[in-house]
Amino acid sequence: LTALTAKGFTYEAEDALWFKSTEFGDEK
């Protein structure tokens, strides 16, 4: 999780931590 965050692919929203999977073709 630290590695993902360091690369800028996570963010906080709605009191949860999210993965930016849409940047890799996921629907959300």
PDB file of all heavy atoms in Angstrom:
ATOM      1  N   LEU A   1       0.830  -1.201   0.000  1.00  0.00           N
ATOM      2  CA  LEU A   1       0.000   0.000   0.000  1.00  0.00           C
ATOM      3  C   LEU A   1       0.869   1.258   0.000  1.00  0.00           C
ATOM      4  O   LEU A   1       0.586   2.236  -0.713  1.00  0.00           O
ATOM      5  CB  LEU A   1      -0.917  -0.006   1.219  1.00  0.00           C
ATOM      6  CG  LEU A   1      -1.980   1.097   1.283  1.00  0.00           C
ATOM      7  CD1 LEU A   1      -2.824   1.121   0.019  1.00  0.00           C
ATOM      8  CD2 LEU A   1      -2.850   0.915   2.515  1.00  0.00           C
ATOM      9  N   THR A   2       1.948   1.242   0.752  1.00  0.00           N
ATOM     10  CA  THR A   2       2.879   2.372   0.773  1.00  0.00           C
ATOM     11  C   THR A   2       3.486   2.601  -0.607  1.00  0.00           C
ATOM     12  O   THR A   2       3.618   3.742  -1.072  1.00  0.00           O
ATOM     13  CB  THR A   2       4.000   2.114   1.800  1.00  0.00           C
ATOM     14  OG1 THR A   2       3.429   1.992   3.104  1.00  0.00           O
ATOM     15  CG2 THR A   2       5.012   3.252   1.787  1.00  0.00           C
ATOM     16  N   ALA A   3       3.840   1.491  -1.276  1.00  0.00           N
ATOM     17  CA  ALA A   3       4.427   1.603  -2.614  1.00  0.00           C
ATOM     18  C   ALA A   3       3.433   2.189  -3.606  1.00  0.00           C
ATOM     19  O   ALA A   3       3.785   3.055  -4.431  1.00  0.00           O
ATOM     20  CB  ALA A   3       4.894   0.228  -3.086  1.00  0.00           C
ATOM     21  N   LEU A   4       2.167   1.755  -3.534  1.00  0.00           N
ATOM     22  CA  LEU A   4       1.140   2.295  -4.431  1.00  0.00           C
ATOM     23  C   LEU A   4       0.933   3.787  -4.185  1.00  0.00           C
ATOM     24  O   LEU A   4       0.795   4.582  -5.121  1.00  0.00           O
ATOM     25  CB  LEU A   4      -0.180   1.551  -4.214  1.00  0.00           C
ATOM     26  CG  LEU A   4      -0.506   0.355  -5.098  1.00  0.00           C
ATOM     27  CD1 LEU A   4      -1.859  -0.227  -4.697  1.00  0.00           C
ATOM     28  CD2 LEU A   4      -0.501   0.716  -6.572  1.00  0.00           C
ATOM     29  N   THR A   5       0.900   4.144  -2.910  1.00  0.00           N
ATOM     30  CA  THR A   5       0.673   5.548  -2.557  1.00  0.00           C
ATOM     31  C   THR A   5       1.844   6.419  -3.001  1.00  0.00           C
ATOM     32  O   THR A   5       1.664   7.533  -3.526  1.00  0.00           O
ATOM     33  CB  THR A   5       0.468   5.679  -1.038  1.00  0.00           C
ATOM     34  OG1 THR A   5      -0.668   4.883  -0.648  1.00  0.00           O
ATOM     35  CG2 THR A   5       0.225   7.128  -0.645  1.00  0.00           C
ATOM     36  N   ALA A   6       3.052   5.915  -2.825  1.00  0.00           N
ATOM     37  CA  ALA A   6       4.245   6.669  -3.224  1.00  0.00           C
ATOM     38  C   ALA A   6       4.276   6.932  -4.718  1.00  0.00           C
ATOM     39  O   ALA A   6       4.818   7.954  -5.176  1.00  0.00           O
ATOM     40  CB  ALA A   6       5.501   5.917  -2.794  1.00  0.00           C
ATOM     41  N   LYS A   7       3.678   6.044  -5.498  1.00  0.00           N
ATOM     42  CA  LYS A   7       3.652   6.215  -6.940  1.00  0.00           C
ATOM     43  C   LYS A   7       2.471   7.076  -7.398  1.00  0.00           C
ATOM     44  O   LYS A   7       2.284   7.292  -8.602  1.00  0.00           O
ATOM     45  CB  LYS A   7       3.613   4.833  -7.621  1.00  0.00           C
ATOM     46  CG  LYS A   7       4.898   4.045  -7.457  1.00  0.00           C
ATOM     47  CD  LYS A   7       4.762   2.651  -8.077  1.00  0.00           C
ATOM     48  CE  LYS A   7       6.050   1.850  -7.910  1.00  0.00           C
ATOM     49  NZ  LYS A   7       7.150   2.407  -8.732  1.00  0.00           N
ATOM     50  N   GLY A   8       1.656   7.517  -6.439  1.00  0.00           N
ATOM     51  CA  GLY A   8       0.568   8.435  -6.761  1.00  0.00           C
ATOM     52  C   GLY A   8      -0.689   7.766  -7.277  1.00  0.00           C
ATOM     53  O   GLY A   8      -1.505   8.432  -7.938  1.00  0.00           O
ATOM     54  N   PHE A   9      -0.902   6.507  -6.952  1.00  0.00           N
ATOM     55  CA  PHE A   9      -2.065   5.798  -7.500  1.00  0.00           C
ATOM     56  C   PHE A   9      -3.148   5.527  -6.469  1.00  0.00           C
ATOM     57  O   PHE A   9      -4.014   4.676  -6.684  1.00  0.00           O
ATOM     58  CB  PHE A   9      -1.622   4.478  -8.147  1.00  0.00           C
ATOM     59  CG  PHE A   9      -0.793   4.666  -9.384  1.00  0.00           C
ATOM     60  CD1 PHE A   9       0.532   4.284  -9.415  1.00  0.00           C
ATOM     61  CD2 PHE A   9      -1.338   5.256 -10.515  1.00  0.00           C
ATOM     62  CE1 PHE A   9       1.306   4.462 -10.552  1.00  0.00           C
ATOM     63  CE2 PHE A   9      -0.589   5.443 -11.652  1.00  0.00           C
ATOM     64  CZ  PHE A   9       0.747   5.051 -11.675  1.00  0.00           C
ATOM     65  N   THR A  10      -3.107   6.224  -5.330  1.00  0.00           N
ATOM     66  CA  THR A  10      -4.182   6.111  -4.350  1.00  0.00           C
ATOM     67  C   THR A  10      -4.656   7.506  -3.958  1.00  0.00           C
ATOM     68  O   THR A  10      -3.950   8.501  -4.149  1.00  0.00           O
ATOM     69  CB  THR A  10      -3.712   5.367  -3.084  1.00  0.00           C
ATOM     70  OG1 THR A  10      -2.700   6.131  -2.424  1.00  0.00           O
ATOM     71  CG2 THR A  10      -3.171   3.990  -3.426  1.00  0.00           C
ATOM     72  N   TYR A  11      -5.854   7.574  -3.398  1.00  0.00           N
ATOM     73  CA  TYR A  11      -6.373   8.850  -2.891  1.00  0.00           C
ATOM     74  C   TYR A  11      -7.430   8.581  -1.828  1.00  0.00           C
ATOM     75  O   TYR A  11      -8.016   7.491  -1.777  1.00  0.00           O
ATOM     76  CB  TYR A  11      -6.952   9.711  -4.012  1.00  0.00           C
ATOM     77  CG  TYR A  11      -8.169   9.120  -4.707  1.00  0.00           C
ATOM     78  CD1 TYR A  11      -9.465   9.420  -4.270  1.00  0.00           C
ATOM     79  CD2 TYR A  11      -8.020   8.274  -5.810  1.00  0.00           C
ATOM     80  CE1 TYR A  11     -10.580   8.885  -4.912  1.00  0.00           C
ATOM     81  CE2 TYR A  11      -9.115   7.741  -6.456  1.00  0.00           C
ATOM     82  CZ  TYR A  11     -10.392   8.047  -6.009  1.00  0.00           C
ATOM     83  OH  TYR A  11     -11.480   7.512  -6.635  1.00  0.00           O
ATOM     84  N   GLU A  12      -7.654   9.568  -0.961  1.00  0.00           N
ATOM     85  CA  GLU A  12      -8.654   9.469   0.098  1.00  0.00           C
ATOM     86  C   GLU A  12      -9.957  10.104  -0.378  1.00  0.00           C
ATOM     87  O   GLU A  12      -9.965  11.190  -0.964  1.00  0.00           O
ATOM     88  CB  GLU A  12      -8.175  10.199   1.354  1.00  0.00           C
ATOM     89  CG  GLU A  12      -6.913   9.616   1.985  1.00  0.00           C
ATOM     90  CD  GLU A  12      -7.209   8.515   2.985  1.00  0.00           C
ATOM     91  OE1 GLU A  12      -8.416   8.223   3.198  1.00  0.00           O
ATOM     92  OE2 GLU A  12      -6.256   7.941   3.536  1.00  0.00           O
ATOM     93  N   ALA A  13     -11.055   9.426  -0.095  1.00  0.00           N
ATOM     94  CA  ALA A  13     -12.382   9.959  -0.402  1.00  0.00           C
ATOM     95  C   ALA A  13     -13.417   9.173   0.385  1.00  0.00           C
ATOM     96  O   ALA A  13     -13.301   7.939   0.516  1.00  0.00           O
ATOM     97  CB  ALA A  13     -12.685   9.882  -1.899  1.00  0.00           C
ATOM     98  N   GLU A  14     -14.415   9.871   0.921  1.00  0.00           N
ATOM     99  CA  GLU A  14     -15.502   9.230   1.656  1.00  0.00           C
ATOM    100  C   GLU A  14     -14.967   8.360   2.798  1.00  0.00           C
ATOM    101  O   GLU A  14     -15.459   7.263   3.042  1.00  0.00           O
ATOM    102  CB  GLU A  14     -16.368   8.384   0.702  1.00  0.00           C
ATOM    103  CG  GLU A  14     -16.957   9.174  -0.441  1.00  0.00           C
ATOM    104  CD  GLU A  14     -17.675   8.289  -1.441  1.00  0.00           C
ATOM    105  OE1 GLU A  14     -18.012   7.142  -1.092  1.00  0.00           O
ATOM    106  OE2 GLU A  14     -17.888   8.739  -2.576  1.00  0.00           O
ATOM    107  N   ASP A  15     -13.931   8.863   3.474  1.00  0.00           N
ATOM    108  CA  ASP A  15     -13.306   8.173   4.611  1.00  0.00           C
ATOM    109  C   ASP A  15     -12.705   6.820   4.224  1.00  0.00           C
ATOM    110  O   ASP A  15     -12.515   5.945   5.086  1.00  0.00           O
ATOM    111  CB  ASP A  15     -14.329   7.955   5.747  1.00  0.00           C
ATOM    112  CG  ASP A  15     -14.792   9.265   6.348  1.00  0.00           C
ATOM    113  OD1 ASP A  15     -13.974  10.206   6.416  1.00  0.00           O
ATOM    114  OD2 ASP A  15     -15.973   9.341   6.732  1.00  0.00           O
ATOM    115  N   ALA A  16     -12.434   6.623   2.944  1.00  0.00           N
ATOM    116  CA  ALA A  16     -11.835   5.376   2.475  1.00  0.00           C
ATOM    117  C   ALA A  16     -10.624   5.697   1.597  1.00  0.00           C
ATOM    118  O   ALA A  16     -10.453   6.828   1.130  1.00  0.00           O
ATOM    119  CB  ALA A  16     -12.840   4.558   1.684  1.00  0.00           C
ATOM    120  N   LEU A  17      -9.790   4.693   1.398  1.00  0.00           N
ATOM    121  CA  LEU A  17      -8.626   4.836   0.518  1.00  0.00           C
ATOM    122  C   LEU A  17      -8.914   4.108  -0.786  1.00  0.00           C
ATOM    123  O   LEU A  17      -9.300   2.925  -0.777  1.00  0.00           O
ATOM    124  CB  LEU A  17      -7.372   4.248   1.183  1.00  0.00           C
ATOM    125  CG  LEU A  17      -6.065   4.455   0.407  1.00  0.00           C
ATOM    126  CD1 LEU A  17      -5.676   5.936   0.413  1.00  0.00           C
ATOM    127  CD2 LEU A  17      -4.942   3.614   1.002  1.00  0.00           C
ATOM    128  N   TRP A  18      -8.698   4.792  -1.909  1.00  0.00           N
ATOM    129  CA  TRP A  18      -9.075   4.270  -3.218  1.00  0.00           C
ATOM    130  C   TRP A  18      -7.851   4.058  -4.099  1.00  0.00           C
ATOM    131  O   TRP A  18      -6.843   4.763  -3.985  1.00  0.00           O
ATOM    132  CB  TRP A  18     -10.010   5.254  -3.923  1.00  0.00           C
ATOM    133  CG  TRP A  18     -11.306   5.479  -3.223  1.00  0.00           C
ATOM    134  CD1 TRP A  18     -11.509   6.156  -2.045  1.00  0.00           C
ATOM    135  CD2 TRP A  18     -12.602   5.039  -3.647  1.00  0.00           C
ATOM    136  NE1 TRP A  18     -12.837   6.167  -1.715  1.00  0.00           N
ATOM    137  CE2 TRP A  18     -13.540   5.488  -2.677  1.00  0.00           C
ATOM    138  CE3 TRP A  18     -13.069   4.333  -4.748  1.00  0.00           C
ATOM    139  CZ2 TRP A  18     -14.891   5.237  -2.790  1.00  0.00           C
ATOM    140  CZ3 TRP A  18     -14.422   4.090  -4.862  1.00  0.00           C
ATOM    141  CH2 TRP A  18     -15.322   4.528  -3.888  1.00  0.00           C
ATOM    142  N   PHE A  19      -7.969   3.084  -5.003  1.00  0.00           N
ATOM    143  CA  PHE A  19      -6.955   2.839  -6.033  1.00  0.00           C
ATOM    144  C   PHE A  19      -7.455   3.428  -7.347  1.00  0.00           C
ATOM    145  O   PHE A  19      -8.601   3.203  -7.745  1.00  0.00           O
ATOM    146  CB  PHE A  19      -6.703   1.335  -6.182  1.00  0.00           C
ATOM    147  CG  PHE A  19      -5.883   0.944  -7.391  1.00  0.00           C
ATOM    148  CD1 PHE A  19      -4.684   1.590  -7.670  1.00  0.00           C
ATOM    149  CD2 PHE A  19      -6.310  -0.074  -8.246  1.00  0.00           C
ATOM    150  CE1 PHE A  19      -3.927   1.241  -8.778  1.00  0.00           C
ATOM    151  CE2 PHE A  19      -5.556  -0.441  -9.344  1.00  0.00           C
ATOM    152  CZ  PHE A  19      -4.368   0.219  -9.620  1.00  0.00           C
ATOM    153  N   LYS A  20      -6.592   4.171  -8.040  1.00  0.00           N
ATOM    154  CA  LYS A  20      -6.967   4.807  -9.306  1.00  0.00           C
ATOM    155  C   LYS A  20      -6.961   3.786 -10.450  1.00  0.00           C
ATOM    156  O   LYS A  20      -6.222   3.902 -11.421  1.00  0.00           O
ATOM    157  CB  LYS A  20      -6.001   5.946  -9.622  1.00  0.00           C
ATOM    158  CG  LYS A  20      -5.988   7.061  -8.591  1.00  0.00           C
ATOM    159  CD  LYS A  20      -4.956   8.136  -8.953  1.00  0.00           C
ATOM    160  CE  LYS A  20      -4.907   9.255  -7.930  1.00  0.00           C
ATOM    161  NZ  LYS A  20      -3.874  10.266  -8.274  1.00  0.00           N
ATOM    162  N   SER A  21      -7.826   2.814 -10.346  1.00  0.00           N
ATOM    163  CA  SER A  21      -7.821   1.733 -11.345  1.00  0.00           C
ATOM    164  C   SER A  21      -8.359   2.179 -12.695  1.00  0.00           C
ATOM    165  O   SER A  21      -8.086   1.545 -13.724  1.00  0.00           O
ATOM    166  CB  SER A  21      -8.630   0.539 -10.830  1.00  0.00           C
ATOM    167  OG  SER A  21      -9.932   0.929 -10.455  1.00  0.00           O
ATOM    168  N   THR A  22      -9.120   3.305 -12.736  1.00  0.00           N
ATOM    169  CA  THR A  22      -9.619   3.788 -14.022  1.00  0.00           C
ATOM    170  C   THR A  22      -8.476   4.257 -14.922  1.00  0.00           C
ATOM    171  O   THR A  22      -8.623   4.300 -16.145  1.00  0.00           O
ATOM    172  CB  THR A  22     -10.607   4.950 -13.824  1.00  0.00           C
ATOM    173  OG1 THR A  22     -10.012   5.937 -12.963  1.00  0.00           O
ATOM    174  CG2 THR A  22     -11.901   4.464 -13.200  1.00  0.00           C
ATOM    175  N   GLU A  23      -7.340   4.603 -14.329  1.00  0.00           N
ATOM    176  CA  GLU A  23      -6.191   5.006 -15.141  1.00  0.00           C
ATOM    177  C   GLU A  23      -5.598   3.832 -15.911  1.00  0.00           C
ATOM    178  O   GLU A  23      -4.758   4.022 -16.790  1.00  0.00           O
ATOM    179  CB  GLU A  23      -5.117   5.643 -14.249  1.00  0.00           C
ATOM    180  CG  GLU A  23      -5.540   6.966 -13.635  1.00  0.00           C
ATOM    181  CD  GLU A  23      -4.386   7.700 -12.974  1.00  0.00           C
ATOM    182  OE1 GLU A  23      -3.210   7.308 -13.213  1.00  0.00           O
ATOM    183  OE2 GLU A  23      -4.653   8.650 -12.221  1.00  0.00           O
ATOM    184  N   PHE A  24      -6.067   2.633 -15.579  1.00  0.00           N
ATOM    185  CA  PHE A  24      -5.545   1.426 -16.236  1.00  0.00           C
ATOM    186  C   PHE A  24      -6.654   0.642 -16.935  1.00  0.00           C
ATOM    187  O   PHE A  24      -6.532  -0.556 -17.166  1.00  0.00           O
ATOM    188  CB  PHE A  24      -4.843   0.540 -15.203  1.00  0.00           C
ATOM    189  CG  PHE A  24      -3.709   1.228 -14.494  1.00  0.00           C
ATOM    190  CD1 PHE A  24      -3.919   1.849 -13.269  1.00  0.00           C
ATOM    191  CD2 PHE A  24      -2.450   1.294 -15.076  1.00  0.00           C
ATOM    192  CE1 PHE A  24      -2.890   2.504 -12.623  1.00  0.00           C
ATOM    193  CE2 PHE A  24      -1.410   1.948 -14.425  1.00  0.00           C
ATOM    194  CZ  PHE A  24      -1.627   2.557 -13.200  1.00  0.00           C
ATOM    195  N   GLY A  25      -7.740   1.328 -17.257  1.00  0.00           N
ATOM    196  CA  GLY A  25      -8.787   0.709 -18.059  1.00  0.00           C
ATOM    197  C   GLY A  25      -9.950   0.125 -17.294  1.00  0.00           C
ATOM    198  O   GLY A  25     -10.881  -0.409 -17.905  1.00  0.00           O
ATOM    199  N   ASP A  26      -9.943   0.191 -15.953  1.00  0.00           N
ATOM    200  CA  ASP A  26     -11.063  -0.327 -15.178  1.00  0.00           C
ATOM    201  C   ASP A  26     -12.248   0.624 -15.307  1.00  0.00           C
ATOM    202  O   ASP A  26     -12.080   1.823 -15.575  1.00  0.00           O
ATOM    203  CB  ASP A  26     -10.642  -0.483 -13.714  1.00  0.00           C
ATOM    204  CG  ASP A  26     -11.565  -1.405 -12.926  1.00  0.00           C
ATOM    205  OD1 ASP A  26     -12.498  -1.969 -13.539  1.00  0.00           O
ATOM    206  OD2 ASP A  26     -11.349  -1.565 -11.707  1.00  0.00           O
ATOM    207  N   GLU A  27     -13.448   0.115 -15.086  1.00  0.00           N
ATOM    208  CA  GLU A  27     -14.645   0.931 -15.267  1.00  0.00           C
ATOM    209  C   GLU A  27     -14.829   1.961 -14.157  1.00  0.00           C
ATOM    210  O   GLU A  27     -15.513   2.981 -14.337  1.00  0.00           O
ATOM    211  CB  GLU A  27     -15.883   0.035 -15.353  1.00  0.00           C
ATOM    212  CG  GLU A  27     -16.103  -0.839 -14.128  1.00  0.00           C
ATOM    213  CD  GLU A  27     -17.261  -1.805 -14.315  1.00  0.00           C
ATOM    214  OE1 GLU A  27     -17.894  -1.771 -15.391  1.00  0.00           O
ATOM    215  OE2 GLU A  27     -17.525  -2.590 -13.385  1.00  0.00           O
ATOM    216  N   LYS A  28     -14.259   1.724 -12.999  1.00  0.00           N
ATOM    217  CA  LYS A  28     -14.320   2.687 -11.902  1.00  0.00           C
ATOM    218  C   LYS A  28     -13.170   2.431 -10.933  1.00  0.00           C
ATOM    219  O   LYS A  28     -12.565   1.350 -10.935  1.00  0.00           O
ATOM    220  CB  LYS A  28     -15.659   2.608 -11.176  1.00  0.00           C
ATOM    221  CG  LYS A  28     -15.916   1.272 -10.487  1.00  0.00           C
ATOM    222  CD  LYS A  28     -17.274   1.278  -9.810  1.00  0.00           C
ATOM    223  CE  LYS A  28     -17.544  -0.048  -9.098  1.00  0.00           C
ATOM    224  NZ  LYS A  28     -18.849  -0.039  -8.394  1.00  0.00           N
TER     225      LYS A  28
END
